Each structure stands twice: as C-alpha cells, then as structure tokens.
Amino acid sequence: MRFSVIIPLYNKAPYVAKAVQSVLAQTFADYELVIVDDGSKDDSAKIAEEAVEGRENCRLMKQENAGVSMARKNGVADSKGDYLCFLDADDWWEPTFLEEMDRFIAEFPEAGIYGTNYTIMNEAKRKTCVANVGVKDGFEKGYINYCQVYAKTLNMPLWTGAVCIPRRVFDEMQGFPKGIKLGEDFLLWIRIALKYKVAFLNKS
C-alpha cells in the first residue's frame, strides 16, 4: 500500500461527505482511507459510513472523544500504507493530490516530510486566496529550510491537510505529541525538519 489517508472526524456533518468524496475521486488508486470518528454528537459518523459503503479500501473507526491528535494516532495505527496523509473533515483535495505526491516523492526521495500549498476558502465555498506560506516568490518546488522560512516570515510552509510523511519517519518521531490540544502538528513538523529535509511543492 502506497498511501494511508487519515481523516479525524468530530461534528463535521455539513462537510465530511465532500472531504471523503475528494479522496474517493483521486486519480491515484493505491491508497486506503481510514476515518476516525472522535465521538461525534451529530450525524458525522453516519454520513461518513454511507460515503464509503462498499469500498474495500475504506473504513470507519469509532472512539470515545479523545481529541484530534489521538484520532490521527489511532488511525495511523490501524493503517498499512508506506506514506501517511492527513485530511481534516472540513477540507478537501484536488483529484490529483496523491498522484502528484507520488511523483514528488520519487523526485525528492531524501525528504522526511512533503508539503504543498493550499487555497483558503470562505463559507460560501468561493476561492479566496492561495495561502502565504513564506517561500520566496517564484519558488516552484524543492527542498526548503523549514525553520528558516518560519523564523523570517512567521508563516508555516506546512499544513496538516497538505502534507505527506513517510511512515518510518512518523513512527520514529512517535507521531503527534500527546497532551497538546493546539499546535501538535507544528511541533511534529519542527521535530522532523530538525533531522530531515523538507520538500515543498508550491502548488495548491
């Protein structure tokens, strides 16, 4: 299995179907989807379950509410892919995301984490802007100094819904840190960036 896609889910009934469909619509077929319902109190789990019904490479897990970090961690533990991708239940991918990640990994094999740019949307689902992630104007793709970019611009080049991490690196770093409710992803990115190269594709 090339990719494992993990979606943590908590009270996102209006959005989760579109998030799941964006994964099912991927042009790259070698993936599995693990949705982890974190004790939702709305119809999120039911909607997600219906969206993946009959799909052998998709499944829904349920847990007592324990927070997004634990949901992602449990999803990873139940997955098998060589590379891990994370998508929040109120976000979605372009259909070629995994296909382009696969090519990007082959082009920059030394990276410990891969990221892309992304588009920020408003509630009306209109495109508002491509995120300012701090890389230089004209930068297209390649290795970046994550810590240097952040220190100079206070912009974070990596965002959870647009990254891909080799499982071996995720396991080495022991995943998202426990006991942190805000910035747990940022802390993991920093830990990875201090030891491995960071590859960035400046495309939404």
C-alpha atoms as a PDB file:
ATOM      1  CA  MET A   1       0.000   0.000   0.000  1.00  0.00           C
ATOM      2  CA  ARG A   2       1.440   3.345  -1.072  1.00  0.00           C
ATOM      3  CA  PHE A   3      -0.671   5.850   0.881  1.00  0.00           C
ATOM      4  CA  SER A   4      -2.797   5.784   4.010  1.00  0.00           C
ATOM      5  CA  VAL A   5      -5.200   8.721   4.266  1.00  0.00           C
ATOM      6  CA  ILE A   6      -6.380   9.516   7.784  1.00  0.00           C
ATOM      7  CA  ILE A   7      -9.445  11.695   8.405  1.00  0.00           C
ATOM      8  CA  PRO A   8     -10.179  12.603  12.042  1.00  0.00           C
ATOM      9  CA  LEU A   9     -13.878  13.342  12.418  1.00  0.00           C
ATOM     10  CA  TYR A  10     -15.727  15.304  15.083  1.00  0.00           C
ATOM     11  CA  ASN A  11     -19.051  17.057  14.487  1.00  0.00           C
ATOM     12  CA  LYS A  12     -18.473  17.903  10.817  1.00  0.00           C
ATOM     13  CA  ALA A  13     -21.769  16.678   9.366  1.00  0.00           C
ATOM     14  CA  PRO A  14     -22.124  19.534   6.816  1.00  0.00           C
ATOM     15  CA  TYR A  15     -18.646  18.940   5.374  1.00  0.00           C
ATOM     16  CA  VAL A  16     -17.480  15.358   5.777  1.00  0.00           C
ATOM     17  CA  ALA A  17     -19.167  13.931   2.661  1.00  0.00           C
ATOM     18  CA  LYS A  18     -17.250  16.350   0.424  1.00  0.00           C
ATOM     19  CA  ALA A  19     -13.977  15.578   2.197  1.00  0.00           C
ATOM     20  CA  VAL A  20     -14.475  11.843   1.733  1.00  0.00           C
ATOM     21  CA  GLN A  21     -15.559  12.211  -1.893  1.00  0.00           C
ATOM     22  CA  SER A  22     -12.405  14.199  -2.640  1.00  0.00           C
ATOM     23  CA  VAL A  23     -10.377  11.174  -1.515  1.00  0.00           C
ATOM     24  CA  LEU A  24     -12.519   8.690  -3.431  1.00  0.00           C
ATOM     25  CA  ALA A  25     -12.086  10.822  -6.564  1.00  0.00           C
ATOM     26  CA  GLN A  26      -8.278  10.575  -6.517  1.00  0.00           C
ATOM     27  CA  THR A  27      -6.626   9.662  -9.807  1.00  0.00           C
ATOM     28  CA  PHE A  28      -4.058   7.560  -7.907  1.00  0.00           C
ATOM     29  CA  ALA A  29      -5.610   4.276  -6.824  1.00  0.00           C
ATOM     30  CA  ASP A  30      -3.058   2.723  -4.446  1.00  0.00           C
ATOM     31  CA  TYR A  31      -4.378   4.115  -1.164  1.00  0.00           C
ATOM     32  CA  GLU A  32      -6.560   3.305   1.810  1.00  0.00           C
ATOM     33  CA  LEU A  33      -8.837   5.678   3.694  1.00  0.00           C
ATOM     34  CA  VAL A  34      -9.247   5.446   7.454  1.00  0.00           C
ATOM     35  CA  ILE A  35     -11.865   7.735   9.011  1.00  0.00           C
ATOM     36  CA  VAL A  36     -11.714   8.019  12.805  1.00  0.00           C
ATOM     37  CA  ASP A  37     -14.876   9.310  14.427  1.00  0.00           C
ATOM     38  CA  ASP A  38     -13.851  11.003  17.666  1.00  0.00           C
ATOM     39  CA  GLY A  39     -17.165  10.629  19.478  1.00  0.00           C
ATOM     40  CA  SER A  40     -19.199  12.939  17.230  1.00  0.00           C
ATOM     41  CA  LYS A  41     -22.558  14.054  18.607  1.00  0.00           C
ATOM     42  CA  ASP A  42     -24.098  14.849  15.222  1.00  0.00           C
ATOM     43  CA  ASP A  43     -24.640  12.685  12.123  1.00  0.00           C
ATOM     44  CA  SER A  44     -20.979  12.844  11.045  1.00  0.00           C
ATOM     45  CA  ALA A  45     -20.257   9.130  11.538  1.00  0.00           C
ATOM     46  CA  LYS A  46     -23.415   8.048   9.730  1.00  0.00           C
ATOM     47  CA  ILE A  47     -22.679  10.311   6.770  1.00  0.00           C
ATOM     48  CA  ALA A  48     -19.077   9.111   6.559  1.00  0.00           C
ATOM     49  CA  GLU A  49     -20.110   5.477   6.798  1.00  0.00           C
ATOM     50  CA  GLU A  50     -22.598   5.874   3.960  1.00  0.00           C
ATOM     51  CA  ALA A  51     -19.981   7.653   1.845  1.00  0.00           C
ATOM     52  CA  VAL A  52     -17.537   4.723   1.997  1.00  0.00           C
ATOM     53  CA  GLU A  53     -20.076   1.889   1.945  1.00  0.00           C
ATOM     54  CA  GLY A  54     -18.915  -0.932  -0.311  1.00  0.00           C
ATOM     55  CA  ARG A  55     -15.371   0.397  -0.639  1.00  0.00           C
ATOM     56  CA  GLU A  56     -12.882  -2.287   0.377  1.00  0.00           C
ATOM     57  CA  ASN A  57     -10.053   0.212   0.820  1.00  0.00           C
ATOM     58  CA  CYS A  58     -12.064   2.459   3.166  1.00  0.00           C
ATOM     59  CA  ARG A  59     -13.224   2.028   6.741  1.00  0.00           C
ATOM     60  CA  LEU A  60     -14.680   3.957   9.640  1.00  0.00           C
ATOM     61  CA  MET A  61     -13.321   3.605  13.172  1.00  0.00           C
ATOM     62  CA  LYS A  62     -15.026   4.946  16.267  1.00  0.00           C
ATOM     63  CA  GLN A  63     -13.539   6.068  19.576  1.00  0.00           C
ATOM     64  CA  GLU A  64     -14.589   7.950  22.667  1.00  0.00           C
ATOM     65  CA  ASN A  65     -13.806  11.647  22.350  1.00  0.00           C
ATOM     66  CA  ALA A  66     -10.063  11.986  22.885  1.00  0.00           C
ATOM     67  CA  GLY A  67      -9.044  14.840  20.598  1.00  0.00           C
ATOM     68  CA  VAL A  68      -7.702  15.169  17.085  1.00  0.00           C
ATOM     69  CA  SER A  69      -4.150  14.022  17.887  1.00  0.00           C
ATOM     70  CA  MET A  70      -5.368  10.735  19.338  1.00  0.00           C
ATOM     71  CA  ALA A  71      -7.782  10.251  16.430  1.00  0.00           C
ATOM     72  CA  ARG A  72      -4.941  10.647  13.958  1.00  0.00           C
ATOM     73  CA  LYS A  73      -2.651   8.428  16.017  1.00  0.00           C
ATOM     74  CA  ASN A  74      -5.228   5.631  16.210  1.00  0.00           C
ATOM     75  CA  GLY A  75      -5.930   5.965  12.507  1.00  0.00           C
ATOM     76  CA  VAL A  76      -2.254   5.583  11.710  1.00  0.00           C
ATOM     77  CA  ALA A  77      -2.009   2.529  13.995  1.00  0.00           C
ATOM     78  CA  ASP A  78      -4.840   0.889  12.044  1.00  0.00           C
ATOM     79  CA  SER A  79      -3.351   1.693   8.643  1.00  0.00           C
ATOM     80  CA  LYS A  80      -0.746  -0.002   6.458  1.00  0.00           C
ATOM     81  CA  GLY A  81       0.499   2.496   3.865  1.00  0.00           C
ATOM     82  CA  ASP A  82       4.143   3.417   3.406  1.00  0.00           C
ATOM     83  CA  TYR A  83       3.214   7.111   3.384  1.00  0.00           C
ATOM     84  CA  LEU A  84       0.736   8.932   5.598  1.00  0.00           C
ATOM     85  CA  CYS A  85      -1.536  11.776   4.509  1.00  0.00           C
ATOM     86  CA  PHE A  86      -3.940  13.649   6.749  1.00  0.00           C
ATOM     87  CA  LEU A  87      -7.129  15.403   5.744  1.00  0.00           C
ATOM     88  CA  ASP A  88      -9.482  17.195   8.110  1.00  0.00           C
ATOM     89  CA  ALA A  89     -13.180  16.510   7.665  1.00  0.00           C
ATOM     90  CA  ASP A  90     -13.976  20.071   6.575  1.00  0.00           C
ATOM     91  CA  ASP A  91     -11.268  20.255   3.897  1.00  0.00           C
ATOM     92  CA  TRP A  92     -10.819  18.555   0.546  1.00  0.00           C
ATOM     93  CA  TRP A  93      -8.213  17.702  -2.074  1.00  0.00           C
ATOM     94  CA  GLU A  94      -7.927  18.224  -5.781  1.00  0.00           C
ATOM     95  CA  PRO A  95      -8.313  14.866  -7.607  1.00  0.00           C
ATOM     96  CA  THR A  96      -4.595  14.676  -8.475  1.00  0.00           C
ATOM     97  CA  PHE A  97      -3.220  15.246  -4.959  1.00  0.00           C
ATOM     98  CA  LEU A  98      -1.996  11.681  -4.334  1.00  0.00           C
ATOM     99  CA  GLU A  99      -0.791  11.291  -7.916  1.00  0.00           C
ATOM    100  CA  GLU A 100       1.313  14.419  -7.617  1.00  0.00           C
ATOM    101  CA  MET A 101       2.592  13.373  -4.175  1.00  0.00           C
ATOM    102  CA  ASP A 102       3.724  10.066  -5.637  1.00  0.00           C
ATOM    103  CA  ARG A 103       5.738  11.852  -8.339  1.00  0.00           C
ATOM    104  CA  PHE A 104       7.059  14.373  -5.824  1.00  0.00           C
ATOM    105  CA  ILE A 105       8.336  11.620  -3.524  1.00  0.00           C
ATOM    106  CA  ALA A 106      10.180   9.985  -6.413  1.00  0.00           C
ATOM    107  CA  GLU A 107      11.745  13.320  -7.364  1.00  0.00           C
ATOM    108  CA  PHE A 108      12.856  14.232  -3.827  1.00  0.00           C
ATOM    109  CA  PRO A 109      13.416  10.896  -2.062  1.00  0.00           C
ATOM    110  CA  GLU A 110      15.525  12.234   0.813  1.00  0.00           C
ATOM    111  CA  ALA A 111      12.739  14.248   2.448  1.00  0.00           C
ATOM    112  CA  GLY A 112      11.282  13.359   5.814  1.00  0.00           C
ATOM    113  CA  ILE A 113       8.089  15.254   5.015  1.00  0.00           C
ATOM    114  CA  TYR A 114       6.426  16.568   1.847  1.00  0.00           C
ATOM    115  CA  GLY A 115       4.066  19.524   1.612  1.00  0.00           C
ATOM    116  CA  THR A 116       2.117  21.580  -0.904  1.00  0.00           C
ATOM    117  CA  ASN A 117       0.490  24.964  -0.923  1.00  0.00           C
ATOM    118  CA  TYR A 118      -3.292  25.230  -0.458  1.00  0.00           C
ATOM    119  CA  THR A 119      -6.223  27.527  -1.078  1.00  0.00           C
ATOM    120  CA  ILE A 120      -8.186  29.146   1.729  1.00  0.00           C
ATOM    121  CA  MET A 121     -11.947  29.072   1.182  1.00  0.00           C
ATOM    122  CA  ASN A 122     -14.760  31.031   2.778  1.00  0.00           C
ATOM    123  CA  GLU A 123     -18.053  29.568   3.983  1.00  0.00           C
ATOM    124  CA  ALA A 124     -19.668  30.145   0.589  1.00  0.00           C
ATOM    125  CA  LYS A 125     -17.020  27.807  -0.917  1.00  0.00           C
ATOM    126  CA  ARG A 126     -15.584  30.546  -3.067  1.00  0.00           C
ATOM    127  CA  LYS A 127     -11.836  30.588  -3.566  1.00  0.00           C
ATOM    128  CA  THR A 128     -10.436  33.466  -1.575  1.00  0.00           C
ATOM    129  CA  CYS A 129      -6.653  33.159  -1.807  1.00  0.00           C
ATOM    130  CA  VAL A 130      -3.724  30.812  -2.044  1.00  0.00           C
ATOM    131  CA  ALA A 131      -2.090  30.649   1.368  1.00  0.00           C
ATOM    132  CA  ASN A 132       1.013  32.721   2.064  1.00  0.00           C
ATOM    133  CA  VAL A 133       3.375  30.022   3.291  1.00  0.00           C
ATOM    134  CA  GLY A 134       6.538  32.109   3.386  1.00  0.00           C
ATOM    135  CA  VAL A 135       8.515  30.679   0.457  1.00  0.00           C
ATOM    136  CA  LYS A 136      10.137  33.116  -1.957  1.00  0.00           C
ATOM    137  CA  ASP A 137       8.228  34.436  -4.954  1.00  0.00           C
ATOM    138  CA  GLY A 138       8.837  32.221  -7.959  1.00  0.00           C
ATOM    139  CA  PHE A 139       9.725  29.150  -5.916  1.00  0.00           C
ATOM    140  CA  GLU A 140       8.138  26.124  -7.596  1.00  0.00           C
ATOM    141  CA  LYS A 141       9.378  23.004  -5.837  1.00  0.00           C
ATOM    142  CA  GLY A 142      12.331  21.556  -3.980  1.00  0.00           C
ATOM    143  CA  TYR A 143      13.871  21.303  -0.553  1.00  0.00           C
ATOM    144  CA  ILE A 144      13.319  24.203   1.837  1.00  0.00           C
ATOM    145  CA  ASN A 145      14.752  25.191   5.205  1.00  0.00           C
ATOM    146  CA  TYR A 146      11.517  24.998   7.172  1.00  0.00           C
ATOM    147  CA  CYS A 147      12.854  26.602  10.352  1.00  0.00           C
ATOM    148  CA  GLN A 148      14.488  29.432   8.432  1.00  0.00           C
ATOM    149  CA  VAL A 149      11.313  30.183   6.447  1.00  0.00           C
ATOM    150  CA  TYR A 150       9.259  30.313   9.633  1.00  0.00           C
ATOM    151  CA  ALA A 151      11.808  32.419  11.534  1.00  0.00           C
ATOM    152  CA  LYS A 152      11.977  35.008   8.743  1.00  0.00           C
ATOM    153  CA  THR A 153       8.288  35.224   7.849  1.00  0.00           C
ATOM    154  CA  LEU A 154       6.292  33.714  10.761  1.00  0.00           C
ATOM    155  CA  ASN A 155       4.417  31.782   8.070  1.00  0.00           C
ATOM    156  CA  MET A 156       4.191  27.995   8.293  1.00  0.00           C
ATOM    157  CA  PRO A 157       5.017  26.281   4.979  1.00  0.00           C
ATOM    158  CA  LEU A 158       3.414  23.009   6.075  1.00  0.00           C
ATOM    159  CA  TRP A 159      -0.267  22.476   6.827  1.00  0.00           C
ATOM    160  CA  THR A 160      -1.766  19.221   8.022  1.00  0.00           C
ATOM    161  CA  GLY A 161      -4.187  18.806   5.124  1.00  0.00           C
ATOM    162  CA  ALA A 162      -1.424  19.181   2.534  1.00  0.00           C
ATOM    163  CA  VAL A 163       1.422  17.022   3.821  1.00  0.00           C
ATOM    164  CA  CYS A 164       2.706  13.506   3.283  1.00  0.00           C
ATOM    165  CA  ILE A 165       5.002  11.760   5.759  1.00  0.00           C
ATOM    166  CA  PRO A 166       6.920   8.502   5.354  1.00  0.00           C
ATOM    167  CA  ARG A 167       5.570   6.088   7.954  1.00  0.00           C
ATOM    168  CA  ARG A 168       9.066   5.277   9.183  1.00  0.00           C
ATOM    169  CA  VAL A 169       9.651   8.963   9.983  1.00  0.00           C
ATOM    170  CA  PHE A 170       6.273   9.334  11.682  1.00  0.00           C
ATOM    171  CA  ASP A 171       6.990   6.262  13.815  1.00  0.00           C
ATOM    172  CA  GLU A 172      10.497   7.465  14.641  1.00  0.00           C
ATOM    173  CA  MET A 173       9.092  10.780  15.908  1.00  0.00           C
ATOM    174  CA  GLN A 174       6.355   8.883  17.793  1.00  0.00           C
ATOM    175  CA  GLY A 175       3.661  10.704  15.873  1.00  0.00           C
ATOM    176  CA  PHE A 176       1.768  13.728  17.075  1.00  0.00           C
ATOM    177  CA  PRO A 177       2.730  14.616  20.648  1.00  0.00           C
ATOM    178  CA  LYS A 178       0.301  13.656  23.380  1.00  0.00           C
ATOM    179  CA  GLY A 179      -1.347  16.136  25.724  1.00  0.00           C
ATOM    180  CA  ILE A 180      -1.232  19.087  23.330  1.00  0.00           C
ATOM    181  CA  LYS A 181      -4.512  20.485  22.023  1.00  0.00           C
ATOM    182  CA  LEU A 182      -3.113  23.279  19.863  1.00  0.00           C
ATOM    183  CA  GLY A 183      -0.068  23.218  17.600  1.00  0.00           C
ATOM    184  CA  GLU A 184       0.583  19.484  17.864  1.00  0.00           C
ATOM    185  CA  ASP A 185       1.109  19.347  14.101  1.00  0.00           C
ATOM    186  CA  PHE A 186       3.523  22.303  14.132  1.00  0.00           C
ATOM    187  CA  LEU A 187       5.610  20.613  16.829  1.00  0.00           C
ATOM    188  CA  LEU A 188       5.844  17.420  14.773  1.00  0.00           C
ATOM    189  CA  TRP A 189       6.873  19.349  11.648  1.00  0.00           C
ATOM    190  CA  ILE A 190       9.648  21.072  13.613  1.00  0.00           C
ATOM    191  CA  ARG A 191      10.906  17.789  15.015  1.00  0.00           C
ATOM    192  CA  ILE A 192      11.036  16.296  11.530  1.00  0.00           C
ATOM    193  CA  ALA A 193      12.637  19.405   9.993  1.00  0.00           C
ATOM    194  CA  LEU A 194      15.443  19.374  12.551  1.00  0.00           C
ATOM    195  CA  LYS A 195      16.541  15.942  11.336  1.00  0.00           C
ATOM    196  CA  TYR A 196      15.306  15.527   7.750  1.00  0.00           C
ATOM    197  CA  LYS A 197      14.969  17.530   4.578  1.00  0.00           C
ATOM    198  CA  VAL A 198      11.605  19.172   3.886  1.00  0.00           C
ATOM    199  CA  ALA A 199      10.307  19.039   0.302  1.00  0.00           C
ATOM    200  CA  PHE A 200       7.738  21.621  -0.777  1.00  0.00           C
ATOM    201  CA  LEU A 201       5.595  21.858  -3.906  1.00  0.00           C
ATOM    202  CA  ASN A 202       4.357  25.434  -4.297  1.00  0.00           C
ATOM    203  CA  LYS A 203       1.060  24.467  -5.878  1.00  0.00           C
ATOM    204  CA  SER A 204      -2.407  24.449  -4.386  1.00  0.00           C
END
